[in-house]
PDB file of N, CA and C in Angstrom:
ATOM      1  N   UNK A   1       0.924  -1.239  -0.005  1.00  0.00           N
ATOM      2  CA  UNK A   1       0.044   0.012  -0.022  1.00  0.00           C
ATOM      3  C   UNK A   1       0.933   1.226   0.038  1.00  0.00           C
ATOM      4  N   UNK A   2       0.342   2.266  -0.685  1.00  0.00           N
ATOM      5  CA  UNK A   2       1.091   3.555  -0.755  1.00  0.00           C
ATOM      6  C   UNK A   2       0.706   4.330   0.451  1.00  0.00           C
ATOM      7  N   UNK A   3       1.646   5.132   0.844  1.00  0.00           N
ATOM      8  CA  UNK A   3       1.461   6.066   2.078  1.00  0.00           C
ATOM      9  C   UNK A   3       0.211   6.876   1.814  1.00  0.00           C
ATOM     10  N   UNK A   4      -0.057   7.276   0.744  1.00  0.00           N
ATOM     11  CA  UNK A   4      -1.300   8.173   0.458  1.00  0.00           C
ATOM     12  C   UNK A   4      -2.369   7.547   0.605  1.00  0.00           C
ATOM     13  N   UNK A   5      -2.457   6.101   0.280  1.00  0.00           N
ATOM     14  CA  UNK A   5      -3.699   5.313   0.616  1.00  0.00           C
ATOM     15  C   UNK A   5      -3.844   5.125   2.151  1.00  0.00           C
ATOM     16  N   UNK A   6      -2.852   4.950   2.793  1.00  0.00           N
ATOM     17  CA  UNK A   6      -2.848   4.652   4.186  1.00  0.00           C
ATOM     18  C   UNK A   6      -3.424   5.843   5.003  1.00  0.00           C
ATOM     19  N   UNK A   7      -2.902   7.113   4.562  1.00  0.00           N
ATOM     20  CA  UNK A   7      -3.253   8.320   5.196  1.00  0.00           C
ATOM     21  C   UNK A   7      -4.838   8.519   5.190  1.00  0.00           C
ATOM     22  N   UNK A   8      -5.444   8.140   4.042  1.00  0.00           N
ATOM     23  CA  UNK A   8      -6.891   8.247   3.806  1.00  0.00           C
ATOM     24  C   UNK A   8      -7.817   7.293   4.654  1.00  0.00           C
ATOM     25  N   UNK A   9      -7.142   6.282   5.227  1.00  0.00           N
ATOM     26  CA  UNK A   9      -7.984   5.307   6.044  1.00  0.00           C
ATOM     27  C   UNK A   9      -8.278   5.807   7.318  1.00  0.00           C
ATOM     28  N   UNK A  10      -9.398   5.323   7.827  1.00  0.00           N
ATOM     29  CA  UNK A  10      -9.824   5.621   9.219  1.00  0.00           C
ATOM     30  C   UNK A  10      -9.078   4.768  10.096  1.00  0.00           C
ATOM     31  N   UNK A  11      -8.974   4.959  11.460  1.00  0.00           N
ATOM     32  CA  UNK A  11      -8.374   4.008  12.466  1.00  0.00           C
ATOM     33  C   UNK A  11      -8.912   2.587  12.405  1.00  0.00           C
ATOM     34  N   UNK A  12     -10.316   2.531  12.173  1.00  0.00           N
ATOM     35  CA  UNK A  12     -10.930   1.194  12.215  1.00  0.00           C
ATOM     36  C   UNK A  12     -10.571   0.489  11.015  1.00  0.00           C
ATOM     37  N   UNK A  13     -10.517   1.115   9.835  1.00  0.00           N
ATOM     38  CA  UNK A  13     -10.099   0.510   8.618  1.00  0.00           C
ATOM     39  C   UNK A  13      -8.604   0.026   8.678  1.00  0.00           C
ATOM     40  N   UNK A  14      -7.827   0.830   9.355  1.00  0.00           N
ATOM     41  CA  UNK A  14      -6.374   0.510   9.538  1.00  0.00           C
ATOM     42  C   UNK A  14      -6.289  -0.845  10.361  1.00  0.00           C
ATOM     43  N   UNK A  15      -7.074  -1.022  11.410  1.00  0.00           N
ATOM     44  CA  UNK A  15      -7.017  -2.033  12.244  1.00  0.00           C
ATOM     45  C   UNK A  15      -7.526  -3.301  11.474  1.00  0.00           C
ATOM     46  N   UNK A  16      -8.473  -3.250  10.618  1.00  0.00           N
ATOM     47  CA  UNK A  16      -8.979  -4.337   9.803  1.00  0.00           C
ATOM     48  C   UNK A  16      -7.952  -4.814   8.893  1.00  0.00           C
ATOM     49  N   UNK A  17      -7.245  -3.765   8.198  1.00  0.00           N
ATOM     50  CA  UNK A  17      -6.448  -4.110   7.168  1.00  0.00           C
ATOM     51  C   UNK A  17      -5.183  -4.849   7.795  1.00  0.00           C
ATOM     52  N   UNK A  18      -4.694  -4.346   9.095  1.00  0.00           N
ATOM     53  CA  UNK A  18      -3.523  -5.043   9.679  1.00  0.00           C
ATOM     54  C   UNK A  18      -3.897  -6.446   9.959  1.00  0.00           C
ATOM     55  N   UNK A  19      -5.107  -6.637  10.441  1.00  0.00           N
ATOM     56  CA  UNK A  19      -5.559  -8.216  10.759  1.00  0.00           C
ATOM     57  C   UNK A  19      -5.534  -8.917   9.404  1.00  0.00           C
ATOM     58  N   UNK A  20      -5.971  -8.410   8.374  1.00  0.00           N
ATOM     59  CA  UNK A  20      -6.152  -9.037   7.130  1.00  0.00           C
ATOM     60  C   UNK A  20      -4.710  -9.436   6.578  1.00  0.00           C
ATOM     61  N   UNK A  21      -3.779  -8.578   6.711  1.00  0.00           N
ATOM     62  CA  UNK A  21      -2.522  -8.817   6.125  1.00  0.00           C
ATOM     63  C   UNK A  21      -1.651  -9.830   7.005  1.00  0.00           C
ATOM     64  N   UNK A  22      -1.973  -9.590   8.252  1.00  0.00           N
ATOM     65  CA  UNK A  22      -1.248 -10.533   9.306  1.00  0.00           C
ATOM     66  C   UNK A  22      -1.704 -12.048   8.929  1.00  0.00           C
ATOM     67  N   UNK A  23      -3.008 -12.229   8.675  1.00  0.00           N
ATOM     68  CA  UNK A  23      -3.544 -13.545   8.379  1.00  0.00           C
ATOM     69  C   UNK A  23      -2.991 -14.155   7.129  1.00  0.00           C
ATOM     70  N   UNK A  24      -2.733 -13.362   6.122  1.00  0.00           N
ATOM     71  CA  UNK A  24      -2.113 -13.604   4.955  1.00  0.00           C
ATOM     72  C   UNK A  24      -0.587 -13.982   5.125  1.00  0.00           C
ATOM     73  N   UNK A  25      -0.028 -13.220   5.919  1.00  0.00           N
ATOM     74  CA  UNK A  25       1.374 -13.428   6.304  1.00  0.00           C
ATOM     75  C   UNK A  25       1.608 -14.713   7.058  1.00  0.00           C
ATOM     76  N   UNK A  26       0.636 -15.199   7.902  1.00  0.00           N
ATOM     77  CA  UNK A  26       0.680 -16.382   8.612  1.00  0.00           C
ATOM     78  C   UNK A  26       0.628 -17.461   7.560  1.00  0.00           C
ATOM     79  N   UNK A  27      -0.341 -17.377   6.644  1.00  0.00           N
ATOM     80  CA  UNK A  27      -0.371 -18.405   5.602  1.00  0.00           C
ATOM     81  C   UNK A  27       0.964 -18.518   4.728  1.00  0.00           C
ATOM     82  N   UNK A  28       1.528 -17.400   4.463  1.00  0.00           N
ATOM     83  CA  UNK A  28       2.752 -17.497   3.669  1.00  0.00           C
ATOM     84  C   UNK A  28       3.929 -18.121   4.487  1.00  0.00           C
ATOM     85  N   UNK A  29       3.865 -17.861   5.846  1.00  0.00           N
ATOM     86  CA  UNK A  29       4.942 -18.339   6.746  1.00  0.00           C
ATOM     87  C   UNK A  29       4.803 -19.831   6.820  1.00  0.00           C
ATOM     88  N   UNK A  30       3.441 -20.336   6.878  1.00  0.00           N
ATOM     89  CA  UNK A  30       3.257 -21.617   7.070  1.00  0.00           C
ATOM     90  C   UNK A  30       3.706 -22.557   5.760  1.00  0.00           C
ATOM     91  N   UNK A  31       3.496 -21.800   4.671  1.00  0.00           N
ATOM     92  CA  UNK A  31       3.996 -22.521   3.494  1.00  0.00           C
ATOM     93  C   UNK A  31       5.482 -22.624   3.427  1.00  0.00           C
ATOM     94  N   UNK A  32       6.169 -21.539   3.860  1.00  0.00           N
ATOM     95  CA  UNK A  32       7.630 -21.526   3.883  1.00  0.00           C
ATOM     96  C   UNK A  32       8.019 -22.625   4.828  1.00  0.00           C
ATOM     97  N   UNK A  33       7.419 -22.777   6.065  1.00  0.00           N
ATOM     98  CA  UNK A  33       7.806 -23.705   7.022  1.00  0.00           C
ATOM     99  C   UNK A  33       7.708 -25.112   6.570  1.00  0.00           C
ATOM    100  N   UNK A  34       6.622 -25.342   5.747  1.00  0.00           N
ATOM    101  CA  UNK A  34       6.388 -26.700   5.313  1.00  0.00           C
ATOM    102  C   UNK A  34       7.349 -27.093   4.084  1.00  0.00           C
ATOM    103  N   UNK A  35       8.187 -26.079   3.682  1.00  0.00           N
ATOM    104  CA  UNK A  35       9.023 -26.382   2.529  1.00  0.00           C
ATOM    105  C   UNK A  35       8.518 -26.031   1.204  1.00  0.00           C
ATOM    106  N   UNK A  36       7.249 -25.500   1.069  1.00  0.00           N
ATOM    107  CA  UNK A  36       6.815 -25.029  -0.242  1.00  0.00           C
ATOM    108  C   UNK A  36       7.330 -23.748  -0.551  1.00  0.00           C
ATOM    109  N   UNK A  37       7.754 -23.558  -1.756  1.00  0.00           N
ATOM    110  CA  UNK A  37       8.320 -22.351  -2.290  1.00  0.00           C
ATOM    111  C   UNK A  37       7.174 -21.379  -2.486  1.00  0.00           C
ATOM    112  N   UNK A  38       7.264 -20.161  -1.931  1.00  0.00           N
ATOM    113  CA  UNK A  38       6.076 -19.299  -2.156  1.00  0.00           C
ATOM    114  C   UNK A  38       6.101 -18.711  -3.648  1.00  0.00           C
ATOM    115  N   UNK A  39       5.044 -18.280  -4.041  1.00  0.00           N
ATOM    116  CA  UNK A  39       4.858 -17.842  -5.471  1.00  0.00           C
ATOM    117  C   UNK A  39       5.780 -16.556  -5.699  1.00  0.00           C
ATOM    118  N   UNK A  40       5.772 -15.746  -4.712  1.00  0.00           N
ATOM    119  CA  UNK A  40       6.569 -14.536  -4.802  1.00  0.00           C
ATOM    120  C   UNK A  40       7.341 -14.446  -3.446  1.00  0.00           C
ATOM    121  N   UNK A  41       8.621 -14.640  -3.394  1.00  0.00           N
ATOM    122  CA  UNK A  41       9.281 -14.588  -2.256  1.00  0.00           C
ATOM    123  C   UNK A  41       9.426 -13.158  -1.691  1.00  0.00           C
ATOM    124  N   UNK A  42       9.367 -12.209  -2.383  1.00  0.00           N
ATOM    125  CA  UNK A  42       9.463 -10.788  -1.950  1.00  0.00           C
ATOM    126  C   UNK A  42       8.186 -10.331  -1.272  1.00  0.00           C
ATOM    127  N   UNK A  43       7.060 -11.099  -1.453  1.00  0.00           N
ATOM    128  CA  UNK A  43       5.777 -10.659  -1.057  1.00  0.00           C
ATOM    129  C   UNK A  43       5.719 -10.658   0.536  1.00  0.00           C
ATOM    130  N   UNK A  44       6.503 -11.620   1.201  1.00  0.00           N
ATOM    131  CA  UNK A  44       6.517 -11.569   2.582  1.00  0.00           C
ATOM    132  C   UNK A  44       7.135 -10.496   3.124  1.00  0.00           C
ATOM    133  N   UNK A  45       8.266 -10.019   2.619  1.00  0.00           N
ATOM    134  CA  UNK A  45       8.870  -8.727   3.102  1.00  0.00           C
ATOM    135  C   UNK A  45       8.081  -7.593   2.881  1.00  0.00           C
ATOM    136  N   UNK A  46       7.343  -7.442   1.793  1.00  0.00           N
ATOM    137  CA  UNK A  46       6.523  -6.335   1.491  1.00  0.00           C
ATOM    138  C   UNK A  46       5.299  -6.332   2.532  1.00  0.00           C
ATOM    139  N   UNK A  47       4.740  -7.452   2.853  1.00  0.00           N
ATOM    140  CA  UNK A  47       3.628  -7.582   3.739  1.00  0.00           C
ATOM    141  C   UNK A  47       4.124  -7.067   5.182  1.00  0.00           C
ATOM    142  N   UNK A  48       5.327  -7.437   5.470  1.00  0.00           N
ATOM    143  CA  UNK A  48       5.809  -7.064   6.867  1.00  0.00           C
ATOM    144  C   UNK A  48       5.978  -5.471   6.846  1.00  0.00           C
ATOM    145  N   UNK A  49       6.527  -4.885   5.771  1.00  0.00           N
ATOM    146  CA  UNK A  49       6.729  -3.397   5.626  1.00  0.00           C
ATOM    147  C   UNK A  49       5.344  -2.717   5.706  1.00  0.00           C
ATOM    148  N   UNK A  50       4.349  -3.244   5.121  1.00  0.00           N
ATOM    149  CA  UNK A  50       3.046  -2.706   4.947  1.00  0.00           C
ATOM    150  C   UNK A  50       2.502  -2.798   6.386  1.00  0.00           C
ATOM    151  N   UNK A  51       2.528  -3.769   7.130  1.00  0.00           N
ATOM    152  CA  UNK A  51       2.046  -3.823   8.513  1.00  0.00           C
ATOM    153  C   UNK A  51       2.630  -2.772   9.382  1.00  0.00           C
ATOM    154  N   UNK A  52       4.009  -2.625   9.191  1.00  0.00           N
ATOM    155  CA  UNK A  52       4.783  -1.690   9.915  1.00  0.00           C
ATOM    156  C   UNK A  52       4.196  -0.119   9.656  1.00  0.00           C
ATOM    157  N   UNK A  53       3.969   0.117   8.256  1.00  0.00           N
ATOM    158  CA  UNK A  53       3.435   1.405   7.893  1.00  0.00           C
ATOM    159  C   UNK A  53       2.105   1.533   8.497  1.00  0.00           C
ATOM    160  N   UNK A  54       1.220   0.568   8.529  1.00  0.00           N
ATOM    161  CA  UNK A  54      -0.014   0.799   9.008  1.00  0.00           C
ATOM    162  C   UNK A  54      -0.092   1.082  10.496  1.00  0.00           C
ATOM    163  N   UNK A  55       0.799   0.348  11.227  1.00  0.00           N
ATOM    164  CA  UNK A  55       0.864   0.520  12.729  1.00  0.00           C
ATOM    165  C   UNK A  55       1.394   1.871  13.055  1.00  0.00           C
ATOM    166  N   UNK A  56       2.422   2.379  12.270  1.00  0.00           N
ATOM    167  CA  UNK A  56       2.883   3.748  12.453  1.00  0.00           C
ATOM    168  C   UNK A  56       1.854   4.748  12.236  1.00  0.00           C
ATOM    169  N   UNK A  57       1.138   4.555  11.221  1.00  0.00           N
ATOM    170  CA  UNK A  57       0.018   5.674  10.834  1.00  0.00           C
ATOM    171  C   UNK A  57      -1.112   5.534  11.925  1.00  0.00           C
ATOM    172  N   UNK A  58      -1.394   4.336  12.439  1.00  0.00           N
ATOM    173  CA  UNK A  58      -2.303   4.285  13.510  1.00  0.00           C
ATOM    174  C   UNK A  58      -1.893   4.874  14.751  1.00  0.00           C
ATOM    175  N   UNK A  59      -0.650   4.706  15.031  1.00  0.00           N
ATOM    176  CA  UNK A  59      -0.190   5.343  16.254  1.00  0.00           C
ATOM    177  C   UNK A  59      -0.246   6.822  16.206  1.00  0.00           C
ATOM    178  N   UNK A  60       0.257   7.278  14.977  1.00  0.00           N
ATOM    179  CA  UNK A  60       0.226   8.807  14.779  1.00  0.00           C
ATOM    180  C   UNK A  60      -1.127   9.313  15.011  1.00  0.00           C
ATOM    181  N   UNK A  61      -2.172   8.664  14.368  1.00  0.00           N
ATOM    182  CA  UNK A  61      -3.553   9.228  14.441  1.00  0.00           C
ATOM    183  C   UNK A  61      -4.103   9.214  15.858  1.00  0.00           C
ATOM    184  N   UNK A  62      -3.707   8.108  16.592  1.00  0.00           N
ATOM    185  CA  UNK A  62      -4.044   8.096  18.036  1.00  0.00           C
ATOM    186  C   UNK A  62      -3.371   9.180  18.872  1.00  0.00           C
ATOM    187  N   UNK A  63      -2.119   9.469  18.569  1.00  0.00           N
ATOM    188  CA  UNK A  63      -1.308  10.515  19.258  1.00  0.00           C
ATOM    189  C   UNK A  63      -2.013  11.952  18.997  1.00  0.00           C
ATOM    190  N   UNK A  64      -2.393  12.237  17.671  1.00  0.00           N
ATOM    191  CA  UNK A  64      -3.033  13.327  17.375  1.00  0.00           C
ATOM    192  C   UNK A  64      -4.388  13.630  18.090  1.00  0.00           C
ATOM    193  N   UNK A  65      -5.183  12.482  18.409  1.00  0.00           N
ATOM    194  CA  UNK A  65      -6.419  12.649  19.021  1.00  0.00           C
ATOM    195  C   UNK A  65      -6.188  13.273  20.513  1.00  0.00           C
ATOM    196  N   UNK A  66      -5.120  12.825  21.146  1.00  0.00           N
ATOM    197  CA  UNK A  66      -4.782  13.180  22.469  1.00  0.00           C
ATOM    198  C   UNK A  66      -4.260  14.464  22.677  1.00  0.00           C
TER     199      UNK A  66
END
């Protein structure tokens, strides 16, 4: 996800997106652990970065409320 897209999301939407990506990341990690080669190896890294971006944006929005 682009930063521009993340900025436009509400905190509730960000939380939903984090959960969705984490579920997908667990599936990918299970495939890797079982020895199956993932379709796109770089996708795991990108998902981790996206989760970090979402968490950062969520923290910033919560800080701005206070």
